[in-house]
């Protein structure tokens, strides 16, 4: 008995497209993380960690809530994952 997505089972076209895009999307995410790290370091030096941490925590929580809502609604894709 094969389940969709199990080894040896035929993948759906959407899963196949996501699999093909995965390396490029991962590279874009890594590049974004690298840029964010440099920007964050400069902001912390200029403003201090206390002024950075509270808004960052609020932003992280808000984005996580949006991401959870998208995932629960069943509209999660590789692109929504990468953007959020």
N, C-alpha and C. Protein backbone atom coordinates (compact mmCIF):
# COMPACT_ATOMS: atom_id res chain seq x y z
N UNK A 1 0.85 -1.17 0.00
CA UNK A 1 0.00 0.00 0.00
C UNK A 1 0.90 1.24 0.00
N UNK A 2 0.66 2.11 -0.97
CA UNK A 2 1.44 3.35 -1.08
C UNK A 2 0.58 4.54 -0.70
N UNK A 3 1.18 5.45 0.02
CA UNK A 3 0.53 6.72 0.34
C UNK A 3 1.17 7.79 -0.52
N UNK A 4 0.40 8.81 -0.82
CA UNK A 4 0.96 9.89 -1.62
C UNK A 4 2.12 10.52 -0.87
N UNK A 5 3.23 10.66 -1.53
CA UNK A 5 4.41 11.23 -0.91
C UNK A 5 5.34 10.18 -0.32
N UNK A 6 4.89 8.93 -0.24
CA UNK A 6 5.75 7.86 0.27
C UNK A 6 6.78 7.51 -0.80
N UNK A 7 7.85 6.89 -0.39
CA UNK A 7 8.88 6.50 -1.36
C UNK A 7 8.28 5.54 -2.38
N UNK A 8 8.58 5.78 -3.62
CA UNK A 8 8.10 4.92 -4.68
C UNK A 8 6.74 5.32 -5.22
N UNK A 9 6.00 6.14 -4.51
CA UNK A 9 4.69 6.58 -4.97
C UNK A 9 4.87 7.76 -5.92
N UNK A 10 4.05 7.85 -6.94
CA UNK A 10 4.18 8.99 -7.85
C UNK A 10 3.86 10.30 -7.13
N UNK A 11 4.69 11.29 -7.35
CA UNK A 11 4.48 12.60 -6.72
C UNK A 11 3.49 13.41 -7.53
N UNK A 12 2.77 14.27 -6.87
CA UNK A 12 1.84 15.17 -7.56
C UNK A 12 2.66 16.21 -8.32
N UNK A 13 2.07 16.84 -9.34
CA UNK A 13 2.81 17.90 -10.05
C UNK A 13 3.25 19.04 -9.14
N UNK A 14 2.42 19.39 -8.15
CA UNK A 14 2.79 20.47 -7.23
C UNK A 14 3.99 20.06 -6.39
N UNK A 15 4.01 18.83 -5.91
CA UNK A 15 5.14 18.36 -5.11
C UNK A 15 6.40 18.28 -5.96
N UNK A 16 6.25 17.87 -7.21
CA UNK A 16 7.40 17.79 -8.10
C UNK A 16 7.97 19.18 -8.38
N UNK A 17 7.11 20.17 -8.59
CA UNK A 17 7.57 21.54 -8.83
C UNK A 17 8.25 22.10 -7.59
N UNK A 18 7.69 21.82 -6.42
CA UNK A 18 8.30 22.30 -5.17
C UNK A 18 9.66 21.65 -4.98
N UNK A 19 9.77 20.38 -5.30
CA UNK A 19 11.05 19.68 -5.16
C UNK A 19 12.10 20.25 -6.09
N UNK A 20 11.70 20.62 -7.29
CA UNK A 20 12.64 21.18 -8.25
C UNK A 20 13.10 22.57 -7.82
N UNK A 21 12.23 23.33 -7.16
CA UNK A 21 12.56 24.69 -6.75
C UNK A 21 13.28 24.73 -5.40
N UNK A 22 13.29 23.63 -4.68
CA UNK A 22 13.80 23.62 -3.31
C UNK A 22 15.24 24.13 -3.18
N UNK A 23 16.19 23.71 -4.01
CA UNK A 23 17.56 24.22 -3.86
C UNK A 23 17.66 25.74 -4.06
N UNK A 24 16.95 26.26 -5.05
CA UNK A 24 17.00 27.71 -5.30
C UNK A 24 16.35 28.48 -4.16
N UNK A 25 15.21 27.99 -3.68
CA UNK A 25 14.52 28.67 -2.58
C UNK A 25 15.39 28.63 -1.32
N UNK A 26 16.03 27.51 -1.06
CA UNK A 26 16.91 27.40 0.11
C UNK A 26 18.08 28.38 0.01
N UNK A 27 18.63 28.53 -1.18
CA UNK A 27 19.73 29.48 -1.38
C UNK A 27 19.26 30.92 -1.16
N UNK A 28 18.05 31.25 -1.63
CA UNK A 28 17.52 32.59 -1.41
C UNK A 28 17.28 32.86 0.07
N UNK A 29 16.77 31.87 0.79
CA UNK A 29 16.56 32.02 2.23
C UNK A 29 17.90 32.23 2.93
N UNK A 30 18.90 31.45 2.57
CA UNK A 30 20.23 31.59 3.19
C UNK A 30 20.82 32.97 2.91
N UNK A 31 20.65 33.46 1.70
CA UNK A 31 21.14 34.80 1.37
C UNK A 31 20.43 35.87 2.18
N UNK A 32 19.12 35.71 2.34
CA UNK A 32 18.35 36.66 3.16
C UNK A 32 18.79 36.65 4.61
N UNK A 33 19.07 35.47 5.13
CA UNK A 33 19.54 35.35 6.52
C UNK A 33 20.90 36.04 6.67
N UNK A 34 21.78 35.87 5.69
CA UNK A 34 23.10 36.50 5.75
C UNK A 34 22.98 38.02 5.75
N UNK A 35 22.15 38.56 4.87
CA UNK A 35 21.95 40.01 4.82
C UNK A 35 21.32 40.51 6.12
N UNK A 36 20.32 39.79 6.63
CA UNK A 36 19.66 40.19 7.88
C UNK A 36 20.64 40.18 9.04
N UNK A 37 21.56 39.24 9.06
CA UNK A 37 22.54 39.17 10.13
C UNK A 37 23.46 40.40 10.13
N UNK A 38 23.90 40.80 8.96
CA UNK A 38 24.77 41.98 8.85
C UNK A 38 24.01 43.24 9.24
N UNK A 39 22.78 43.39 8.73
CA UNK A 39 21.97 44.57 9.07
C UNK A 39 21.69 44.60 10.57
N UNK A 40 21.36 43.45 11.15
CA UNK A 40 21.07 43.38 12.58
C UNK A 40 22.30 43.78 13.41
N UNK A 41 23.46 43.29 13.03
CA UNK A 41 24.68 43.63 13.78
C UNK A 41 24.93 45.13 13.76
N UNK A 42 24.74 45.76 12.62
CA UNK A 42 24.95 47.21 12.53
C UNK A 42 23.92 47.98 13.35
N UNK A 43 22.68 47.52 13.33
CA UNK A 43 21.64 48.20 14.12
C UNK A 43 21.88 48.05 15.62
N UNK A 44 22.31 46.88 16.05
CA UNK A 44 22.57 46.67 17.47
C UNK A 44 23.71 47.57 17.94
N UNK A 45 24.74 47.70 17.13
CA UNK A 45 25.86 48.57 17.50
C UNK A 45 25.38 50.02 17.60
N UNK A 46 24.53 50.43 16.66
CA UNK A 46 24.08 51.83 16.62
C UNK A 46 23.02 52.13 17.68
N UNK A 47 22.05 51.22 17.88
CA UNK A 47 20.91 51.50 18.76
C UNK A 47 20.96 50.79 20.11
N UNK A 48 21.67 49.68 20.19
CA UNK A 48 21.69 48.88 21.42
C UNK A 48 20.70 47.74 21.34
N UNK A 49 21.01 46.68 22.04
CA UNK A 49 20.18 45.47 21.96
C UNK A 49 18.82 45.65 22.61
N UNK A 50 18.72 46.50 23.62
CA UNK A 50 17.43 46.69 24.30
C UNK A 50 16.39 47.27 23.35
N UNK A 51 16.78 48.24 22.54
CA UNK A 51 15.83 48.87 21.61
C UNK A 51 15.50 47.95 20.43
N UNK A 52 16.34 47.00 20.15
CA UNK A 52 16.13 46.09 19.03
C UNK A 52 15.30 44.88 19.43
N UNK A 53 15.53 44.34 20.62
CA UNK A 53 14.95 43.05 20.99
C UNK A 53 13.44 43.06 21.13
N UNK A 54 12.85 44.08 21.72
CA UNK A 54 11.40 44.09 21.93
C UNK A 54 10.63 44.15 20.61
N UNK A 55 10.92 45.11 19.72
CA UNK A 55 10.22 45.11 18.42
C UNK A 55 10.49 43.84 17.61
N UNK A 56 11.70 43.29 17.72
CA UNK A 56 12.01 42.06 16.99
C UNK A 56 11.15 40.90 17.49
N UNK A 57 10.97 40.81 18.80
CA UNK A 57 10.13 39.75 19.37
C UNK A 57 8.68 39.91 18.94
N UNK A 58 8.17 41.12 18.93
CA UNK A 58 6.80 41.37 18.48
C UNK A 58 6.65 41.00 17.00
N UNK A 59 7.61 41.40 16.18
CA UNK A 59 7.56 41.07 14.75
C UNK A 59 7.65 39.57 14.51
N UNK A 60 8.54 38.91 15.23
CA UNK A 60 8.69 37.46 15.08
C UNK A 60 7.40 36.74 15.47
N UNK A 61 6.77 37.18 16.55
CA UNK A 61 5.52 36.57 17.00
C UNK A 61 4.41 36.79 15.98
N UNK A 62 4.31 37.99 15.43
CA UNK A 62 3.28 38.29 14.43
C UNK A 62 3.47 37.47 13.17
N UNK A 63 4.69 37.38 12.68
CA UNK A 63 4.96 36.60 11.47
C UNK A 63 4.70 35.12 11.72
N UNK A 64 5.04 34.63 12.89
CA UNK A 64 4.78 33.23 13.23
C UNK A 64 3.28 32.95 13.28
N UNK A 65 2.49 33.89 13.80
CA UNK A 65 1.04 33.71 13.84
C UNK A 65 0.46 33.69 12.43
N UNK A 66 0.94 34.57 11.56
CA UNK A 66 0.49 34.57 10.16
C UNK A 66 0.86 33.26 9.49
N UNK A 67 2.08 32.80 9.70
CA UNK A 67 2.54 31.55 9.10
C UNK A 67 1.69 30.38 9.59
N UNK A 68 1.38 30.35 10.88
CA UNK A 68 0.53 29.29 11.43
C UNK A 68 -0.85 29.31 10.79
N UNK A 69 -1.42 30.50 10.61
CA UNK A 69 -2.74 30.62 9.99
C UNK A 69 -2.73 30.11 8.55
N UNK A 70 -1.68 30.44 7.81
CA UNK A 70 -1.56 29.97 6.43
C UNK A 70 -1.44 28.45 6.40
N UNK A 71 -0.63 27.89 7.28
CA UNK A 71 -0.44 26.44 7.32
C UNK A 71 -1.73 25.72 7.72
N UNK A 72 -2.43 26.24 8.72
CA UNK A 72 -3.67 25.61 9.18
C UNK A 72 -4.74 25.68 8.11
N UNK A 73 -4.76 26.76 7.33
CA UNK A 73 -5.77 26.91 6.28
C UNK A 73 -5.51 25.99 5.09
N UNK A 74 -4.32 25.37 5.05
CA UNK A 74 -4.01 24.44 3.97
C UNK A 74 -3.42 25.09 2.74
N UNK A 75 -3.03 26.33 2.83
CA UNK A 75 -2.47 27.05 1.67
C UNK A 75 -0.95 27.16 1.72
N UNK A 76 -0.31 26.33 2.49
CA UNK A 76 1.15 26.36 2.61
C UNK A 76 1.78 25.82 1.33
N UNK A 77 2.74 26.53 0.82
CA UNK A 77 3.53 26.07 -0.32
C UNK A 77 4.98 26.44 -0.03
N UNK A 78 5.86 26.02 -0.91
CA UNK A 78 7.28 26.34 -0.71
C UNK A 78 7.49 27.86 -0.76
N UNK A 79 6.68 28.55 -1.57
CA UNK A 79 6.84 30.00 -1.72
C UNK A 79 6.31 30.74 -0.50
N UNK A 80 5.15 30.33 0.05
CA UNK A 80 4.66 30.99 1.26
C UNK A 80 5.60 30.71 2.42
N UNK A 81 6.16 29.50 2.47
CA UNK A 81 7.12 29.18 3.52
C UNK A 81 8.34 30.08 3.41
N UNK A 82 8.85 30.26 2.20
CA UNK A 82 10.05 31.07 2.01
C UNK A 82 9.80 32.53 2.34
N UNK A 83 8.65 33.05 1.97
CA UNK A 83 8.34 34.46 2.22
C UNK A 83 8.10 34.71 3.70
N UNK A 84 7.39 33.79 4.36
CA UNK A 84 7.10 34.00 5.77
C UNK A 84 8.24 33.50 6.63
